[in-house]
């Protein structure tokens, strides 16, 4: 698996792996290989999402009408 794989491609492959594993059509050996590939894809997607989130800024406006940008905190306080 290449680190140059686009997020969307990795997500599509992950969905395909999930369908195969859920169907029960794969042999045990194939299922283990697919599971391992899926684990790597999850790590890749999570890393890309974390990178993207760290680049997103939250734009705030104070009482005086002045705007400021701050890093998105990633908490549950999303608007």
C-alpha atoms as a PDB file:
ATOM      1  CA  UNK A   1       0.000   0.000   0.000  1.00  0.00           C
ATOM      2  CA  UNK A   2       1.377   3.347  -1.016  1.00  0.00           C
ATOM      3  CA  UNK A   3       1.421   6.444   1.174  1.00  0.00           C
ATOM      4  CA  UNK A   4       0.549   8.326  -2.029  1.00  0.00           C
ATOM      5  CA  UNK A   5      -2.845   6.641  -2.079  1.00  0.00           C
ATOM      6  CA  UNK A   6      -5.534   9.318  -2.038  1.00  0.00           C
ATOM      7  CA  UNK A   7      -7.822   9.462   0.989  1.00  0.00           C
ATOM      8  CA  UNK A   8     -10.885   8.687  -1.124  1.00  0.00           C
ATOM      9  CA  UNK A   9      -9.178   5.688  -2.737  1.00  0.00           C
ATOM     10  CA  UNK A  10      -8.142   4.352   0.667  1.00  0.00           C
ATOM     11  CA  UNK A  11     -11.659   4.804   2.019  1.00  0.00           C
ATOM     12  CA  UNK A  12     -13.198   3.064  -1.003  1.00  0.00           C
ATOM     13  CA  UNK A  13     -10.804   0.133  -0.606  1.00  0.00           C
ATOM     14  CA  UNK A  14     -11.608  -0.032   3.094  1.00  0.00           C
ATOM     15  CA  UNK A  15     -15.320  -0.210   2.289  1.00  0.00           C
ATOM     16  CA  UNK A  16     -14.640  -2.957  -0.242  1.00  0.00           C
ATOM     17  CA  UNK A  17     -12.675  -4.937   2.340  1.00  0.00           C
ATOM     18  CA  UNK A  18     -15.496  -4.561   4.852  1.00  0.00           C
ATOM     19  CA  UNK A  19     -18.031  -5.886   2.306  1.00  0.00           C
ATOM     20  CA  UNK A  20     -15.848  -8.910   1.538  1.00  0.00           C
ATOM     21  CA  UNK A  21     -15.256  -9.707   5.200  1.00  0.00           C
ATOM     22  CA  UNK A  22     -18.919  -9.234   6.103  1.00  0.00           C
ATOM     23  CA  UNK A  23     -20.018 -11.549   3.277  1.00  0.00           C
ATOM     24  CA  UNK A  24     -17.945 -14.404   4.678  1.00  0.00           C
ATOM     25  CA  UNK A  25     -16.841 -15.373   1.175  1.00  0.00           C
ATOM     26  CA  UNK A  26     -13.096 -15.058   1.837  1.00  0.00           C
ATOM     27  CA  UNK A  27     -10.950 -17.924   3.109  1.00  0.00           C
ATOM     28  CA  UNK A  28      -9.344 -17.618   6.530  1.00  0.00           C
ATOM     29  CA  UNK A  29      -5.946 -16.708   5.053  1.00  0.00           C
ATOM     30  CA  UNK A  30      -7.484 -14.150   2.714  1.00  0.00           C
ATOM     31  CA  UNK A  31      -9.565 -12.719   5.568  1.00  0.00           C
ATOM     32  CA  UNK A  32      -6.466 -12.232   7.711  1.00  0.00           C
ATOM     33  CA  UNK A  33      -4.662 -10.471   4.842  1.00  0.00           C
ATOM     34  CA  UNK A  34      -7.691  -8.257   4.196  1.00  0.00           C
ATOM     35  CA  UNK A  35      -7.966  -7.457   7.908  1.00  0.00           C
ATOM     36  CA  UNK A  36      -4.294  -6.437   8.012  1.00  0.00           C
ATOM     37  CA  UNK A  37      -4.704  -4.294   4.894  1.00  0.00           C
ATOM     38  CA  UNK A  38      -7.808  -2.711   6.416  1.00  0.00           C
ATOM     39  CA  UNK A  39      -5.908  -1.888   9.594  1.00  0.00           C
ATOM     40  CA  UNK A  40      -3.208  -0.118   7.575  1.00  0.00           C
ATOM     41  CA  UNK A  41      -5.847   1.769   5.593  1.00  0.00           C
ATOM     42  CA  UNK A  42      -7.564   2.883   8.805  1.00  0.00           C
ATOM     43  CA  UNK A  43      -4.247   4.226  10.100  1.00  0.00           C
ATOM     44  CA  UNK A  44      -3.594   6.016   6.802  1.00  0.00           C
ATOM     45  CA  UNK A  45      -7.085   7.583   6.739  1.00  0.00           C
ATOM     46  CA  UNK A  46      -6.913   8.603  10.400  1.00  0.00           C
ATOM     47  CA  UNK A  47      -3.532  10.225   9.827  1.00  0.00           C
ATOM     48  CA  UNK A  48      -4.794  12.139   6.806  1.00  0.00           C
ATOM     49  CA  UNK A  49      -7.867  13.325   8.745  1.00  0.00           C
ATOM     50  CA  UNK A  50      -5.699  14.455  11.661  1.00  0.00           C
ATOM     51  CA  UNK A  51      -3.402  16.332   9.278  1.00  0.00           C
ATOM     52  CA  UNK A  52      -6.363  18.037   7.624  1.00  0.00           C
ATOM     53  CA  UNK A  53      -7.935  18.944  10.958  1.00  0.00           C
ATOM     54  CA  UNK A  54      -4.695  20.537  12.145  1.00  0.00           C
ATOM     55  CA  UNK A  55      -4.778  22.834   9.095  1.00  0.00           C
ATOM     56  CA  UNK A  56      -8.338  24.015   9.670  1.00  0.00           C
ATOM     57  CA  UNK A  57      -8.770  27.259  11.569  1.00  0.00           C
ATOM     58  CA  UNK A  58     -11.749  28.345  13.598  1.00  0.00           C
ATOM     59  CA  UNK A  59     -12.811  31.897  12.770  1.00  0.00           C
ATOM     60  CA  UNK A  60     -14.196  33.808  15.759  1.00  0.00           C
ATOM     61  CA  UNK A  61     -15.677  37.260  16.091  1.00  0.00           C
ATOM     62  CA  UNK A  62     -15.407  39.129  19.400  1.00  0.00           C
ATOM     63  CA  UNK A  63     -17.905  41.631  20.851  1.00  0.00           C
ATOM     64  CA  UNK A  64     -16.098  44.509  19.113  1.00  0.00           C
ATOM     65  CA  UNK A  65     -16.570  42.811  15.735  1.00  0.00           C
ATOM     66  CA  UNK A  66     -12.918  41.866  15.313  1.00  0.00           C
ATOM     67  CA  UNK A  67     -12.225  38.521  13.702  1.00  0.00           C
ATOM     68  CA  UNK A  68      -9.498  36.160  14.874  1.00  0.00           C
ATOM     69  CA  UNK A  69      -8.389  32.753  13.673  1.00  0.00           C
ATOM     70  CA  UNK A  70      -7.373  29.968  16.021  1.00  0.00           C
ATOM     71  CA  UNK A  71      -6.649  26.279  15.564  1.00  0.00           C
ATOM     72  CA  UNK A  72      -9.661  24.006  15.620  1.00  0.00           C
ATOM     73  CA  UNK A  73      -9.566  22.306  19.012  1.00  0.00           C
ATOM     74  CA  UNK A  74     -11.109  19.061  17.811  1.00  0.00           C
ATOM     75  CA  UNK A  75     -13.387  18.901  20.839  1.00  0.00           C
ATOM     76  CA  UNK A  76     -17.094  18.219  20.924  1.00  0.00           C
ATOM     77  CA  UNK A  77     -17.949  21.927  20.948  1.00  0.00           C
ATOM     78  CA  UNK A  78     -18.504  22.117  17.185  1.00  0.00           C
ATOM     79  CA  UNK A  79     -20.920  24.547  15.588  1.00  0.00           C
END
